C-alpha atoms as a PDB file:
ATOM      1  CA  MET A   1      -9.630  41.845  40.481  1.00  0.00           C
ATOM      2  CA  SER A   2      -9.374  41.285  36.749  1.00  0.00           C
ATOM      3  CA  ALA A   3      -6.144  40.082  35.412  1.00  0.00           C
ATOM      4  CA  GLU A   4      -6.616  41.718  32.057  1.00  0.00           C
ATOM      5  CA  GLU A   5      -8.816  44.153  29.904  1.00  0.00           C
ATOM      6  CA  ASN A   6      -8.882  44.936  26.881  1.00  0.00           C
ATOM      7  CA  ILE A   7      -9.272  48.449  25.067  1.00  0.00           C
ATOM      8  CA  ARG A   8     -10.328  49.468  21.860  1.00  0.00           C
ATOM      9  CA  VAL A   9      -8.690  51.973  20.334  1.00  0.00           C
ATOM     10  CA  GLY A  10      -9.101  52.816  17.171  1.00  0.00           C
ATOM     11  CA  ARG A  11      -8.444  49.744  14.525  1.00  0.00           C
ATOM     12  CA  ARG A  12      -6.641  48.125  17.104  1.00  0.00           C
ATOM     13  CA  THR A  13      -7.228  46.370  20.839  1.00  0.00           C
ATOM     14  CA  VAL A  14      -5.020  46.746  23.473  1.00  0.00           C
ATOM     15  CA  ALA A  15      -5.019  44.229  26.437  1.00  0.00           C
ATOM     16  CA  LEU A  16      -3.881  45.696  29.654  1.00  0.00           C
ATOM     17  CA  THR A  17      -2.559  43.179  32.382  1.00  0.00           C
ATOM     18  CA  ARG A  18      -3.413  44.192  35.744  1.00  0.00           C
ATOM     19  CA  PRO A  19      -5.919  47.060  34.772  1.00  0.00           C
ATOM     20  CA  GLY A  20      -6.589  47.702  38.405  1.00  0.00           C
ATOM     21  CA  LYS A  21      -3.224  48.148  39.771  1.00  0.00           C
ATOM     22  CA  VAL A  22      -3.326  51.149  41.458  1.00  0.00           C
ATOM     23  CA  LEU A  23      -0.111  54.043  40.402  1.00  0.00           C
ATOM     24  CA  PHE A  24      -0.859  56.649  42.527  1.00  0.00           C
ATOM     25  CA  PRO A  25      -2.195  55.601  45.733  1.00  0.00           C
ATOM     26  CA  ASP A  26      -3.472  59.364  47.290  1.00  0.00           C
ATOM     27  CA  ASP A  27      -5.092  59.899  44.244  1.00  0.00           C
ATOM     28  CA  GLY A  28      -6.481  56.508  43.429  1.00  0.00           C
ATOM     29  CA  ILE A  29      -5.224  56.264  39.868  1.00  0.00           C
ATOM     30  CA  THR A  30      -5.136  52.536  38.495  1.00  0.00           C
ATOM     31  CA  LYS A  31      -3.531  51.728  35.203  1.00  0.00           C
ATOM     32  CA  ALA A  32      -6.754  51.600  33.164  1.00  0.00           C
ATOM     33  CA  GLY A  33      -7.396  55.185  34.423  1.00  0.00           C
ATOM     34  CA  LEU A  34      -3.562  56.080  32.878  1.00  0.00           C
ATOM     35  CA  ALA A  35      -4.662  54.042  29.783  1.00  0.00           C
ATOM     36  CA  ASP A  36      -7.564  56.374  29.857  1.00  0.00           C
ATOM     37  CA  TYR A  37      -6.265  59.434  30.421  1.00  0.00           C
ATOM     38  CA  TYR A  38      -3.302  58.969  27.574  1.00  0.00           C
ATOM     39  CA  LYS A  39      -6.180  57.361  25.388  1.00  0.00           C
ATOM     40  CA  CYS A  40      -8.207  60.999  25.513  1.00  0.00           C
ATOM     41  CA  VAL A  41      -4.950  62.995  25.304  1.00  0.00           C
ATOM     42  CA  ALA A  42      -3.530  61.302  22.082  1.00  0.00           C
ATOM     43  CA  SER A  43      -4.946  63.704  19.817  1.00  0.00           C
ATOM     44  CA  ALA A  44      -3.286  66.275  21.217  1.00  0.00           C
ATOM     45  CA  MET A  45      -0.208  65.050  22.202  1.00  0.00           C
ATOM     46  CA  ILE A  46       0.790  61.917  19.456  1.00  0.00           C
ATOM     47  CA  PRO A  47       2.144  65.065  16.893  1.00  0.00           C
ATOM     48  CA  HIS A  48       4.638  66.064  19.432  1.00  0.00           C
ATOM     49  CA  LEU A  49       5.898  62.589  19.327  1.00  0.00           C
ATOM     50  CA  ARG A  50       5.594  61.098  15.876  1.00  0.00           C
ATOM     51  CA  GLY A  51       8.560  60.001  14.490  1.00  0.00           C
ATOM     52  CA  ARG A  52      10.311  60.289  17.491  1.00  0.00           C
ATOM     53  CA  PRO A  53      12.712  58.122  19.624  1.00  0.00           C
ATOM     54  CA  LEU A  54      11.414  57.612  23.174  1.00  0.00           C
ATOM     55  CA  MET A  55      13.014  56.958  26.751  1.00  0.00           C
ATOM     56  CA  MET A  56      10.482  55.138  28.957  1.00  0.00           C
ATOM     57  CA  GLU A  57      10.111  56.303  32.774  1.00  0.00           C
ATOM     58  CA  ARG A  58       8.578  52.879  34.021  1.00  0.00           C
ATOM     59  CA  ARG A  59       7.055  52.459  37.509  1.00  0.00           C
ATOM     60  CA  PRO A  60       5.472  48.872  37.437  1.00  0.00           C
ATOM     61  CA  GLU A  61       4.466  49.190  40.961  1.00  0.00           C
ATOM     62  CA  GLY A  62       3.619  52.844  41.232  1.00  0.00           C
ATOM     63  CA  ILE A  63       4.901  56.256  41.998  1.00  0.00           C
ATOM     64  CA  ASP A  64       6.205  54.896  45.939  1.00  0.00           C
ATOM     65  CA  GLY A  65       7.607  51.835  44.067  1.00  0.00           C
ATOM     66  CA  PRO A  66      10.909  51.815  42.538  1.00  0.00           C
ATOM     67  CA  ALA A  67      11.676  53.721  38.932  1.00  0.00           C
ATOM     68  CA  PHE A  68      13.883  52.742  35.871  1.00  0.00           C
ATOM     69  CA  MET A  69      14.435  54.224  32.421  1.00  0.00           C
ATOM     70  CA  GLN A  70      14.710  51.967  29.237  1.00  0.00           C
ATOM     71  CA  LYS A  71      15.794  52.981  26.029  1.00  0.00           C
ATOM     72  CA  GLU A  72      15.655  49.541  24.631  1.00  0.00           C
ATOM     73  CA  VAL A  73      12.384  47.882  23.428  1.00  0.00           C
ATOM     74  CA  PRO A  74      11.732  44.932  25.491  1.00  0.00           C
ATOM     75  CA  GLY A  75      10.683  41.954  23.309  1.00  0.00           C
ATOM     76  CA  HIS A  76       7.294  41.158  23.810  1.00  0.00           C
ATOM     77  CA  PHE A  77       6.026  44.917  22.641  1.00  0.00           C
ATOM     78  CA  PRO A  78       3.683  43.824  19.634  1.00  0.00           C
ATOM     79  CA  ASP A  79       4.876  43.891  16.197  1.00  0.00           C
ATOM     80  CA  TRP A  80       2.595  46.427  15.037  1.00  0.00           C
ATOM     81  CA  PHE A  81       4.454  49.249  17.911  1.00  0.00           C
ATOM     82  CA  HIS A  82       6.499  51.112  16.244  1.00  0.00           C
ATOM     83  CA  ARG A  83      10.622  50.904  16.462  1.00  0.00           C
ATOM     84  CA  VAL A  84      14.103  52.589  15.357  1.00  0.00           C
ATOM     85  CA  GLU A  85      17.552  51.094  15.717  1.00  0.00           C
ATOM     86  CA  LEU A  86      19.949  54.308  16.236  1.00  0.00           C
ATOM     87  CA  PRO A  87      23.817  53.851  16.705  1.00  0.00           C
ATOM     88  CA  LYS A  88      25.151  54.123  20.185  1.00  0.00           C
ATOM     89  CA  GLU A  89      29.013  54.224  21.277  1.00  0.00           C
ATOM     90  CA  GLY A  90      29.739  50.413  20.746  1.00  0.00           C
ATOM     91  CA  GLY A  91      26.241  49.438  19.260  1.00  0.00           C
ATOM     92  CA  THR A  92      23.097  50.289  18.970  1.00  0.00           C
ATOM     93  CA  VAL A  93      19.745  50.986  20.869  1.00  0.00           C
ATOM     94  CA  THR A  94      16.672  50.204  19.545  1.00  0.00           C
ATOM     95  CA  TYR A  95      13.972  52.798  20.560  1.00  0.00           C
ATOM     96  CA  ALA A  96       9.988  52.615  20.720  1.00  0.00           C
ATOM     97  CA  VAL A  97       8.455  55.576  18.939  1.00  0.00           C
ATOM     98  CA  CYS A  98       4.904  56.083  19.561  1.00  0.00           C
ATOM     99  CA  ASP A  99       2.557  57.205  16.705  1.00  0.00           C
ATOM    100  CA  GLU A 100      -0.699  56.786  17.392  1.00  0.00           C
ATOM    101  CA  ALA A 101      -3.076  56.894  20.256  1.00  0.00           C
ATOM    102  CA  ALA A 102      -2.673  52.940  20.262  1.00  0.00           C
ATOM    103  CA  ALA A 103       0.530  52.705  21.106  1.00  0.00           C
ATOM    104  CA  LEU A 104       0.656  55.767  24.314  1.00  0.00           C
ATOM    105  CA  VAL A 105      -2.384  53.470  25.581  1.00  0.00           C
ATOM    106  CA  TYR A 106      -0.019  50.519  25.493  1.00  0.00           C
ATOM    107  CA  LEU A 107       3.102  52.461  27.294  1.00  0.00           C
ATOM    108  CA  ALA A 108       0.562  53.081  29.887  1.00  0.00           C
ATOM    109  CA  GLY A 109      -0.089  49.243  30.434  1.00  0.00           C
ATOM    110  CA  GLN A 110       3.373  48.325  30.834  1.00  0.00           C
ATOM    111  CA  ALA A 111       3.501  51.448  33.904  1.00  0.00           C
ATOM    112  CA  CYS A 112       4.862  54.062  31.341  1.00  0.00           C
ATOM    113  CA  ILE A 113       3.862  56.862  33.965  1.00  0.00           C
ATOM    114  CA  THR A 114       5.913  59.045  31.585  1.00  0.00           C
ATOM    115  CA  PRO A 115       7.462  59.109  28.054  1.00  0.00           C
ATOM    116  CA  HIS A 116      10.316  61.144  27.407  1.00  0.00           C
ATOM    117  CA  ARG A 117      11.051  61.717  23.468  1.00  0.00           C
ATOM    118  CA  PHE A 118      13.770  62.460  21.352  1.00  0.00           C
ATOM    119  CA  LEU A 119      14.443  66.669  19.948  1.00  0.00           C
ATOM    120  CA  SER A 120      15.320  64.822  16.231  1.00  0.00           C
ATOM    121  CA  ARG A 121      12.926  62.950  14.661  1.00  0.00           C
ATOM    122  CA  THR A 122      14.076  58.908  13.664  1.00  0.00           C
ATOM    123  CA  ASP A 123      15.247  60.300   9.867  1.00  0.00           C
ATOM    124  CA  ARG A 124      17.673  62.226  10.872  1.00  0.00           C
ATOM    125  CA  PRO A 125      18.423  61.495  14.371  1.00  0.00           C
ATOM    126  CA  ASP A 126      22.166  64.040  14.628  1.00  0.00           C
ATOM    127  CA  HIS A 127      20.107  66.702  13.646  1.00  0.00           C
ATOM    128  CA  PRO A 128      17.058  68.487  16.046  1.00  0.00           C
ATOM    129  CA  ASP A 129      14.373  70.504  15.193  1.00  0.00           C
ATOM    130  CA  ARG A 130      13.599  71.586  18.903  1.00  0.00           C
ATOM    131  CA  MET A 131      15.968  73.265  21.048  1.00  0.00           C
ATOM    132  CA  VAL A 132      15.024  73.197  24.838  1.00  0.00           C
ATOM    133  CA  PHE A 133      15.829  75.189  27.809  1.00  0.00           C
ATOM    134  CA  ASP A 134      15.086  73.638  31.386  1.00  0.00           C
ATOM    135  CA  LEU A 135      14.407  76.606  33.743  1.00  0.00           C
ATOM    136  CA  ASP A 136      15.568  74.593  36.463  1.00  0.00           C
ATOM    137  CA  PRO A 137      14.762  76.643  40.162  1.00  0.00           C
ATOM    138  CA  SER A 138      17.192  75.959  43.647  1.00  0.00           C
ATOM    139  CA  GLY A 139      14.433  75.224  45.041  1.00  0.00           C
ATOM    140  CA  ASP A 140      10.261  75.318  44.706  1.00  0.00           C
ATOM    141  CA  ASP A 141       9.680  78.973  43.818  1.00  0.00           C
ATOM    142  CA  PHE A 142       7.848  79.366  40.873  1.00  0.00           C
ATOM    143  CA  GLY A 143       8.396  83.118  41.052  1.00  0.00           C
ATOM    144  CA  THR A 144      12.353  83.060  39.796  1.00  0.00           C
ATOM    145  CA  VAL A 145      11.146  80.347  37.025  1.00  0.00           C
ATOM    146  CA  ARG A 146       8.107  82.788  35.697  1.00  0.00           C
ATOM    147  CA  THR A 147      10.586  85.692  35.754  1.00  0.00           C
ATOM    148  CA  ALA A 148      13.282  84.338  33.873  1.00  0.00           C
ATOM    149  CA  ALA A 149      11.160  82.665  31.038  1.00  0.00           C
ATOM    150  CA  LEU A 150       9.690  85.868  30.366  1.00  0.00           C
ATOM    151  CA  ARG A 151      13.153  87.090  30.270  1.00  0.00           C
ATOM    152  CA  LEU A 152      14.094  84.062  28.098  1.00  0.00           C
ATOM    153  CA  ARG A 153      11.693  84.827  25.946  1.00  0.00           C
ATOM    154  CA  ALA A 154      12.467  88.853  25.406  1.00  0.00           C
ATOM    155  CA  LEU A 155      16.208  87.285  24.778  1.00  0.00           C
ATOM    156  CA  LEU A 156      14.376  84.965  22.369  1.00  0.00           C
ATOM    157  CA  ASP A 157      12.785  87.713  20.264  1.00  0.00           C
ATOM    158  CA  GLU A 158      15.807  89.697  19.932  1.00  0.00           C
ATOM    159  CA  LEU A 159      17.545  86.955  18.085  1.00  0.00           C
ATOM    160  CA  GLU A 160      14.161  86.478  15.768  1.00  0.00           C
ATOM    161  CA  LEU A 161      14.166  82.833  17.517  1.00  0.00           C
ATOM    162  CA  PRO A 162      10.339  81.955  18.170  1.00  0.00           C
ATOM    163  CA  ALA A 163       9.175  79.752  21.468  1.00  0.00           C
ATOM    164  CA  ALA A 164       6.858  77.755  23.214  1.00  0.00           C
ATOM    165  CA  VAL A 165       6.817  76.982  26.916  1.00  0.00           C
ATOM    166  CA  MET A 166       4.929  74.228  29.438  1.00  0.00           C
ATOM    167  CA  THR A 167       4.999  73.110  32.648  1.00  0.00           C
ATOM    168  CA  THR A 168       7.321  70.014  33.260  1.00  0.00           C
ATOM    169  CA  GLY A 169       4.578  68.922  35.842  1.00  0.00           C
ATOM    170  CA  SER A 170       7.924  68.851  38.290  1.00  0.00           C
ATOM    171  CA  ARG A 171       9.214  72.338  39.381  1.00  0.00           C
ATOM    172  CA  GLY A 172       9.845  74.439  36.552  1.00  0.00           C
ATOM    173  CA  LEU A 173       9.051  75.109  32.878  1.00  0.00           C
ATOM    174  CA  HIS A 174      10.532  74.420  29.136  1.00  0.00           C
ATOM    175  CA  VAL A 175      11.296  77.102  26.533  1.00  0.00           C
ATOM    176  CA  VAL A 176      10.941  75.130  23.429  1.00  0.00           C
ATOM    177  CA  VAL A 177      12.260  76.461  19.961  1.00  0.00           C
ATOM    178  CA  PRO A 178      11.631  75.153  16.962  1.00  0.00           C
ATOM    179  CA  LEU A 179      14.474  74.279  14.365  1.00  0.00           C
ATOM    180  CA  ASP A 180      14.337  73.396  10.802  1.00  0.00           C
ATOM    181  CA  ARG A 181      17.027  70.747  11.250  1.00  0.00           C
ATOM    182  CA  ARG A 182      19.604  71.756   9.197  1.00  0.00           C
ATOM    183  CA  ALA A 183      22.441  72.356  11.763  1.00  0.00           C
ATOM    184  CA  PRO A 184      23.553  68.854  13.690  1.00  0.00           C
ATOM    185  CA  PHE A 185      23.792  68.715  17.593  1.00  0.00           C
ATOM    186  CA  ASP A 186      27.030  70.036  18.377  1.00  0.00           C
ATOM    187  CA  GLU A 187      25.617  73.411  16.709  1.00  0.00           C
ATOM    188  CA  VAL A 188      22.653  73.630  18.748  1.00  0.00           C
ATOM    189  CA  ARG A 189      24.047  73.108  21.885  1.00  0.00           C
ATOM    190  CA  ASP A 190      26.665  75.911  21.261  1.00  0.00           C
ATOM    191  CA  LEU A 191      23.996  78.235  20.377  1.00  0.00           C
ATOM    192  CA  ALA A 192      22.006  77.047  23.646  1.00  0.00           C
ATOM    193  CA  HIS A 193      24.826  77.819  25.757  1.00  0.00           C
ATOM    194  CA  ARG A 194      25.934  80.494  24.280  1.00  0.00           C
ATOM    195  CA  ILE A 195      21.920  82.040  24.561  1.00  0.00           C
ATOM    196  CA  SER A 196      21.382  81.014  28.411  1.00  0.00           C
ATOM    197  CA  GLY A 197      24.999  82.794  28.709  1.00  0.00           C
ATOM    198  CA  LEU A 198      24.026  85.971  27.609  1.00  0.00           C
ATOM    199  CA  LEU A 199      21.101  85.964  29.866  1.00  0.00           C
ATOM    200  CA  ALA A 200      22.836  85.121  32.720  1.00  0.00           C
ATOM    201  CA  ALA A 201      25.410  87.596  32.022  1.00  0.00           C
ATOM    202  CA  ARG A 202      22.494  90.451  31.961  1.00  0.00           C
ATOM    203  CA  HIS A 203      21.342  88.559  35.139  1.00  0.00           C
ATOM    204  CA  PRO A 204      23.916  86.809  37.094  1.00  0.00           C
ATOM    205  CA  GLU A 205      22.098  88.182  40.562  1.00  0.00           C
ATOM    206  CA  THR A 206      19.142  85.400  39.959  1.00  0.00           C
ATOM    207  CA  LEU A 207      20.298  83.495  36.595  1.00  0.00           C
ATOM    208  CA  THR A 208      23.364  80.702  35.997  1.00  0.00           C
ATOM    209  CA  THR A 209      24.448  78.668  33.714  1.00  0.00           C
ATOM    210  CA  ALA A 210      26.529  77.068  36.257  1.00  0.00           C
ATOM    211  CA  PRO A 211      25.882  72.810  35.845  1.00  0.00           C
ATOM    212  CA  ARG A 212      27.436  72.357  39.714  1.00  0.00           C
ATOM    213  CA  LYS A 213      24.725  73.036  42.339  1.00  0.00           C
ATOM    214  CA  GLN A 214      27.233  74.002  44.602  1.00  0.00           C
ATOM    215  CA  ALA A 215      28.393  77.034  42.067  1.00  0.00           C
ATOM    216  CA  ARG A 216      24.929  78.025  41.689  1.00  0.00           C
ATOM    217  CA  GLY A 217      24.297  79.956  44.995  1.00  0.00           C
ATOM    218  CA  GLY A 218      21.014  79.935  44.965  1.00  0.00           C
ATOM    219  CA  ARG A 219      20.083  80.710  41.311  1.00  0.00           C
ATOM    220  CA  LEU A 220      18.326  79.558  38.863  1.00  0.00           C
ATOM    221  CA  TYR A 221      20.006  77.387  36.748  1.00  0.00           C
ATOM    222  CA  LEU A 222      19.439  77.458  32.733  1.00  0.00           C
ATOM    223  CA  ASP A 223      19.874  73.765  31.777  1.00  0.00           C
ATOM    224  CA  VAL A 224      20.441  73.310  28.567  1.00  0.00           C
ATOM    225  CA  GLN A 225      22.276  69.629  28.411  1.00  0.00           C
ATOM    226  CA  ARG A 226      19.115  68.052  26.821  1.00  0.00           C
ATOM    227  CA  ASN A 227      20.263  69.609  23.040  1.00  0.00           C
ATOM    228  CA  ALA A 228      22.743  66.100  22.825  1.00  0.00           C
ATOM    229  CA  TYR A 229      22.002  63.612  20.185  1.00  0.00           C
ATOM    230  CA  ALA A 230      20.165  60.986  22.269  1.00  0.00           C
ATOM    231  CA  GLN A 231      19.124  63.147  25.570  1.00  0.00           C
ATOM    232  CA  THR A 232      15.366  63.589  26.226  1.00  0.00           C
ATOM    233  CA  ALA A 233      12.756  66.208  27.428  1.00  0.00           C
ATOM    234  CA  VAL A 234       9.379  65.357  28.743  1.00  0.00           C
ATOM    235  CA  ALA A 235       6.563  64.706  26.656  1.00  0.00           C
ATOM    236  CA  PRO A 236       3.900  67.596  26.437  1.00  0.00           C
ATOM    237  CA  TYR A 237       0.640  66.460  28.210  1.00  0.00           C
ATOM    238  CA  ALA A 238       3.110  63.280  29.770  1.00  0.00           C
ATOM    239  CA  VAL A 239       2.090  62.731  33.627  1.00  0.00           C
ATOM    240  CA  ARG A 240       4.586  63.035  36.369  1.00  0.00           C
ATOM    241  CA  ALA A 241       5.036  60.304  39.171  1.00  0.00           C
ATOM    242  CA  ARG A 242       4.027  62.975  41.676  1.00  0.00           C
ATOM    243  CA  PRO A 243       1.541  63.249  44.175  1.00  0.00           C
ATOM    244  CA  GLY A 244      -1.610  64.383  42.500  1.00  0.00           C
ATOM    245  CA  ALA A 245      -0.958  63.509  38.689  1.00  0.00           C
ATOM    246  CA  PRO A 246       0.558  66.825  37.521  1.00  0.00           C
ATOM    247  CA  VAL A 247       0.943  66.980  33.830  1.00  0.00           C
ATOM    248  CA  ALA A 248       3.592  68.689  31.349  1.00  0.00           C
ATOM    249  CA  ALA A 249       0.971  71.024  30.459  1.00  0.00           C
ATOM    250  CA  PRO A 250       1.649  73.560  27.276  1.00  0.00           C
ATOM    251  CA  LEU A 251       1.156  77.136  28.071  1.00  0.00           C
ATOM    252  CA  THR A 252       0.163  80.399  26.468  1.00  0.00           C
ATOM    253  CA  TRP A 253       2.793  83.290  27.126  1.00  0.00           C
ATOM    254  CA  ALA A 254       0.180  85.148  28.902  1.00  0.00           C
ATOM    255  CA  GLU A 255      -0.804  82.093  31.527  1.00  0.00           C
ATOM    256  CA  VAL A 256       3.109  82.225  32.317  1.00  0.00           C
ATOM    257  CA  GLU A 257       2.248  86.047  33.550  1.00  0.00           C
ATOM    258  CA  ASP A 258      -0.116  84.872  35.342  1.00  0.00           C
ATOM    259  CA  PRO A 259       0.468  84.035  39.406  1.00  0.00           C
ATOM    260  CA  ARG A 260      -2.125  81.782  39.435  1.00  0.00           C
ATOM    261  CA  ILE A 261      -0.169  79.380  37.714  1.00  0.00           C
ATOM    262  CA  HIS A 262       2.964  77.153  38.232  1.00  0.00           C
ATOM    263  CA  ALA A 263       4.170  73.938  37.677  1.00  0.00           C
ATOM    264  CA  ARG A 264       2.071  71.280  39.165  1.00  0.00           C
ATOM    265  CA  SER A 265      -1.322  74.061  38.147  1.00  0.00           C
ATOM    266  CA  PHE A 266      -2.405  71.163  35.446  1.00  0.00           C
ATOM    267  CA  THR A 267      -3.480  67.184  36.479  1.00  0.00           C
ATOM    268  CA  THR A 268      -4.940  64.204  34.503  1.00  0.00           C
ATOM    269  CA  VAL A 269      -8.825  65.775  34.987  1.00  0.00           C
ATOM    270  CA  SER A 270      -7.814  69.446  34.553  1.00  0.00           C
ATOM    271  CA  VAL A 271      -5.635  69.448  31.291  1.00  0.00           C
ATOM    272  CA  LEU A 272      -8.775  67.865  29.984  1.00  0.00           C
ATOM    273  CA  ASP A 273     -10.792  71.030  29.976  1.00  0.00           C
ATOM    274  CA  ARG A 274      -7.715  72.426  27.406  1.00  0.00           C
ATOM    275  CA  LEU A 275      -7.800  70.167  24.894  1.00  0.00           C
ATOM    276  CA  GLY A 276     -10.101  72.349  22.591  1.00  0.00           C
ATOM    277  CA  ASP A 277      -7.644  75.385  22.574  1.00  0.00           C
ATOM    278  CA  ASP A 278      -4.241  73.556  22.953  1.00  0.00           C
ATOM    279  CA  PRO A 279      -1.522  75.911  23.139  1.00  0.00           C
ATOM    280  CA  TRP A 280       0.992  74.425  20.602  1.00  0.00           C
ATOM    281  CA  ARG A 281      -1.370  73.257  18.101  1.00  0.00           C
ATOM    282  CA  ASN A 282       0.373  76.074  15.848  1.00  0.00           C
ATOM    283  CA  ALA A 283       3.334  77.115  17.946  1.00  0.00           C
ATOM    284  CA  PHE A 284       6.303  74.879  15.357  1.00  0.00           C
ATOM    285  CA  ARG A 285       4.862  75.728  11.952  1.00  0.00           C
ATOM    286  CA  HIS A 286       7.778  78.513  11.950  1.00  0.00           C
ATOM    287  CA  PRO A 287      11.011  76.642  12.252  1.00  0.00           C
ATOM    288  CA  ARG A 288      14.310  79.143  12.449  1.00  0.00           C
ATOM    289  CA  ALA A 289      18.485  78.264  11.323  1.00  0.00           C
ATOM    290  CA  ALA A 290      20.369  77.947  14.329  1.00  0.00           C
ATOM    291  CA  GLU A 291      23.120  79.432  11.737  1.00  0.00           C
ATOM    292  CA  ALA A 292      21.247  82.296  11.321  1.00  0.00           C
ATOM    293  CA  ALA A 293      20.782  82.848  15.190  1.00  0.00           C
ATOM    294  CA  LEU A 294      24.426  82.352  16.118  1.00  0.00           C
ATOM    295  CA  ARG A 295      24.989  85.105  14.050  1.00  0.00           C
ATOM    296  CA  ARG A 296      22.754  87.151  16.040  1.00  0.00           C
ATOM    297  CA  VAL A 297      24.123  86.176  19.454  1.00  0.00           C
ATOM    298  CA  GLU A 298      27.292  87.275  18.656  1.00  0.00           C
ATOM    299  CA  ALA A 299      26.239  90.828  17.670  1.00  0.00           C
ATOM    300  CA  LEU A 300      24.506  90.980  21.009  1.00  0.00           C
ATOM    301  CA  GLY A 301      27.734  89.599  22.750  1.00  0.00           C
ATOM    302  CA  SER A 302      27.662  85.996  23.865  1.00  0.00           C
ATOM    303  CA  GLY A 303      28.254  86.333  27.342  1.00  0.00           C
ATOM    304  CA  PRO A 304      29.788  83.096  29.400  1.00  0.00           C
ATOM    305  CA  ARG A 305      29.229  79.351  27.312  1.00  0.00           C
ATOM    306  CA  GLU A 306      29.012  77.337  30.316  1.00  0.00           C
ATOM    307  CA  GLY A 307      30.193  77.366  34.819  1.00  0.00           C
ATOM    308  CA  THR A 308      29.028  80.296  35.448  1.00  0.00           C
END
């Protein structure tokens, strides 16, 4: 097994150590294979990562080995790799920022199987330009996720909020709303809580905003906890550390209605056929103001805010 492989990515050469290391044993996907995947999807993925701090989900011994979530950029990262230092309680964190294809390939070489991105950008980290609803089923029944997503979209339409949707590559869907960055995280999170509370109040038999699993009673959890400073969400086209190498894949809303689609429908192989017609290519061109949406929620009646 070669100890190192050099991969040309644009104007850079990325050195990949242990390229033959198998990361997905059941699928035979090596570190070099993961790097090749991220090189292929970079043109679709980088626009959703550019200017955003990342948290790295790393599994050096593969998906069956130990995992760790890493915020701080290690000292051995190359000088060209973009970083940003942001405040945390009692100090700062230097995050990775993935602005080019070579950075994605380099992360794969570090056994970063799944990059998770901020909902805000480095220039205004307290003001998100994305609001995320994580539709988290109590089991593996994707039918409940599908129904919840379509109901959420209908409510967002009432609120004049555009929304994009993607599989998580795990069990559920993420519904993502573009924002104009005027509102800070506290206001955006309040808006998300009010929207999810209103939706749960309309469908109390099947939906809940209760954070504790014991209180959910088998209902689908409308999770909005990611809408906070330094919280992250899985990036579009990111690979998940599960057998089959499923991918967080952007969808059209018509695909959400398709009973053949589920959270792990797309893999590192099958998603490549979708890159020529990326469902999210124009999804975020018309961001909305959180303040205006909040007024519309209040006019509808926001329902219970959390915990029901």
